[in-house]
Amino acid sequence: MKSIAYPAHPVLVVDDDTISLAITHAALRKAGLNNIMTCTDSRQVMALVSQHTVGMVFLDLVMPFTGGEELLETLSRDYPEILVIILTATEEVDTAVRCIKAGAFNYLTKPIDFERLFSTVKNALALQELQQENRALRQSAFSVSLSHPEIFANIITHNPRILQIFHYVESIATTSEPVLITGETGVGKDLIAQAIHALSRRQGPLVAVNVAGLDDTIFSDTLFGHLKGAFTSAERARKGLIEQANSGTLFLDEIGDLTAVSQSKLLRLLQGGDYFPLGSDVPKHSDARIVSATNQDLWRLTKEEKFRKDLNFRLRTHHINIPPLRERLDDIPLLVEHFLAEAATQFGKPGFQASKALLTLLGEYDFPGNIRELRT
């Protein structure tokens, strides 16, 4: 099966030393990237960049024909959106300063230190994600109105940050890349996942599962299904959730709690869309879009070696962070009014308004459980 390209825009590695080139390529693969182009002839760089939508360039500084500094100057002038990371054999401060001034995003010294390369790639992809978000927001600024406000009708807000998220959701919903939704418990991550699916134009269903507390066997059976006889109690074959979500969206909640073995299986699915039902050695393929959510800091878990770096990269091709209620106090009166009206309807009671004193008191509380806590 054809592997899904990551990142979406290829990374170009330019180095006349084939051994050094292979080492850098292997390090990028180890970091979770597979959309990588290589070039040993500096004269071909600009042609490659013009033919492909390159997002990042690893550029050796000392090369025959056209030197790295000359190429950096040309790339910075003609393709300012491309992030250039300089590769140099010696850590010379003057060289680094000169390259940064010329437009380089960062520089790495040879031999390549994997942790520094990983950190540089992480920061570069985060910057590109932010730039993508800013472009989407600038485009939405031309139209204050949402294209599909009805999709967000069940999310009660008039907070500018949440409205920006709505615009961003509209801009990415029809793509096929994974989305990671982060935020504290109770902020409404599931509602954003529902909105992404509703706007996606996908014909299949939205299938949701909370993966917290699932060991590898249960996770695999739940997600990938099993064949008849795969284990003692498997009296008949069962489709997994990923097959049920085909042509639709699979929403994995509490992704930060996934076990190491399950993380490896999910990564394989994200890389090529392939998976194995329990008891089968024949892979199946899914085109379901993966949306995940967590209230944990995946970068912290990665640093603690509790979460795979490459999987973290894959999951956050698009990233949405929902602010907690204490950072959007302007929404509290609107939410209280909505919940009171909802309760009045449910219990057949006349509606009533919250006093200013109550709203003031609520505004002084931190709400660690966010909207879910306010509702209860």
Foldseek 3Di string as FASTA:
>chain_A
DDWDAPPPFEEEEEALPVVLQVQVVVLVVQLQGDRYHYYNDPVCVVVVVVVGVHAEYEFEQDHPPDGRQNVLLVCCVPPVRHAYEYEYQDPDPVVQVSSVVSRHPYYAHPPGDSVVVSVSVVVSLVVNLVVVLVVLLVVCVVPVDDPCVVLCVVPQDDFPLVSSVSSVLLVCLQPQAAEEEEEAAQLCSVSSVSSSQVNNPFPADEAEDECAPPAPVRLLCQAAWAAQPLDDPRNHTDGHVQVNQASGAYEYEAVLRYAPVNLVQVSVCLTHQWHARRPDPDIDGGSHGYYYYHHDDVVVCVVVVRHRSNSVSRNPSPYHYRYFCLVRLVRQQRLVQVLQVVVCVVVVHDGDHDDPVVSVVVNVDPPSNGSVVSSD
